[in-house]
C-alpha atoms as a PDB file:
ATOM      1  CA  UNK A   1      35.543 -12.003 -69.027  1.00  0.00           C
ATOM      2  CA  UNK A   2      32.374 -14.051 -67.834  1.00  0.00           C
ATOM      3  CA  UNK A   3      33.670 -17.661 -67.511  1.00  0.00           C
ATOM      4  CA  UNK A   4      36.747 -16.729 -65.144  1.00  0.00           C
ATOM      5  CA  UNK A   5      33.892 -14.921 -63.012  1.00  0.00           C
ATOM      6  CA  UNK A   6      31.864 -17.933 -63.359  1.00  0.00           C
ATOM      7  CA  UNK A   7      34.923 -20.282 -62.736  1.00  0.00           C
ATOM      8  CA  UNK A   8      35.733 -18.510 -59.736  1.00  0.00           C
ATOM      9  CA  UNK A   9      32.342 -18.624 -58.322  1.00  0.00           C
ATOM     10  CA  UNK A  10      32.248 -22.198 -59.113  1.00  0.00           C
ATOM     11  CA  UNK A  11      35.651 -22.885 -57.262  1.00  0.00           C
ATOM     12  CA  UNK A  12      34.223 -21.011 -54.232  1.00  0.00           C
ATOM     13  CA  UNK A  13      30.967 -23.237 -54.148  1.00  0.00           C
ATOM     14  CA  UNK A  14      32.345 -26.248 -54.255  1.00  0.00           C
ATOM     15  CA  UNK A  15      34.962 -25.699 -51.559  1.00  0.00           C
ATOM     16  CA  UNK A  16      32.429 -24.213 -49.394  1.00  0.00           C
ATOM     17  CA  UNK A  17      30.412 -27.140 -49.953  1.00  0.00           C
ATOM     18  CA  UNK A  18      33.322 -29.696 -49.389  1.00  0.00           C
ATOM     19  CA  UNK A  19      34.307 -27.476 -46.370  1.00  0.00           C
ATOM     20  CA  UNK A  20      30.388 -27.745 -45.011  1.00  0.00           C
ATOM     21  CA  UNK A  21      30.160 -31.363 -46.106  1.00  0.00           C
ATOM     22  CA  UNK A  22      33.401 -33.035 -45.396  1.00  0.00           C
ATOM     23  CA  UNK A  23      35.593 -31.014 -43.010  1.00  0.00           C
ATOM     24  CA  UNK A  24      32.824 -29.956 -40.367  1.00  0.00           C
ATOM     25  CA  UNK A  25      35.422 -28.217 -38.333  1.00  0.00           C
ATOM     26  CA  UNK A  26      37.317 -26.799 -40.681  1.00  0.00           C
ATOM     27  CA  UNK A  27      33.757 -25.495 -42.159  1.00  0.00           C
ATOM     28  CA  UNK A  28      32.706 -23.666 -38.851  1.00  0.00           C
ATOM     29  CA  UNK A  29      35.879 -21.998 -39.270  1.00  0.00           C
ATOM     30  CA  UNK A  30      35.367 -20.573 -42.707  1.00  0.00           C
ATOM     31  CA  UNK A  31      31.765 -19.736 -41.832  1.00  0.00           C
ATOM     32  CA  UNK A  32      33.134 -17.817 -38.567  1.00  0.00           C
ATOM     33  CA  UNK A  33      35.669 -15.785 -40.742  1.00  0.00           C
ATOM     34  CA  UNK A  34      32.783 -15.434 -43.160  1.00  0.00           C
ATOM     35  CA  UNK A  35      30.780 -13.717 -40.348  1.00  0.00           C
ATOM     36  CA  UNK A  36      33.821 -11.837 -39.079  1.00  0.00           C
ATOM     37  CA  UNK A  37      34.799 -10.316 -42.313  1.00  0.00           C
ATOM     38  CA  UNK A  38      31.422  -9.093 -42.923  1.00  0.00           C
ATOM     39  CA  UNK A  39      30.925  -8.190 -39.199  1.00  0.00           C
ATOM     40  CA  UNK A  40      34.177  -6.153 -40.021  1.00  0.00           C
ATOM     41  CA  UNK A  41      33.247  -4.498 -43.294  1.00  0.00           C
ATOM     42  CA  UNK A  42      29.599  -2.982 -42.059  1.00  0.00           C
ATOM     43  CA  UNK A  43      32.067  -1.548 -38.520  1.00  0.00           C
ATOM     44  CA  UNK A  44      34.152   0.052 -41.210  1.00  0.00           C
ATOM     45  CA  UNK A  45      31.304   1.162 -43.382  1.00  0.00           C
ATOM     46  CA  UNK A  46      29.547   2.801 -40.490  1.00  0.00           C
ATOM     47  CA  UNK A  47      32.639   4.269 -39.294  1.00  0.00           C
ATOM     48  CA  UNK A  48      33.726   6.215 -42.400  1.00  0.00           C
ATOM     49  CA  UNK A  49      29.963   7.702 -42.737  1.00  0.00           C
ATOM     50  CA  UNK A  50      30.419   9.305 -38.936  1.00  0.00           C
ATOM     51  CA  UNK A  51      33.684  10.737 -39.897  1.00  0.00           C
ATOM     52  CA  UNK A  52      32.653  12.786 -42.729  1.00  0.00           C
END
């Protein structure tokens, strides 16, 4: 199971590096989507804390 997780991590890092170095525009879009996802997770987490 650890080999599968390390394989996924390695693929994500390689994809991130390629997106950042090779495809500058695509890399910027990926970074924006990651930031948006983090903001939405924090927003949902704060909303769930307030409702309980």
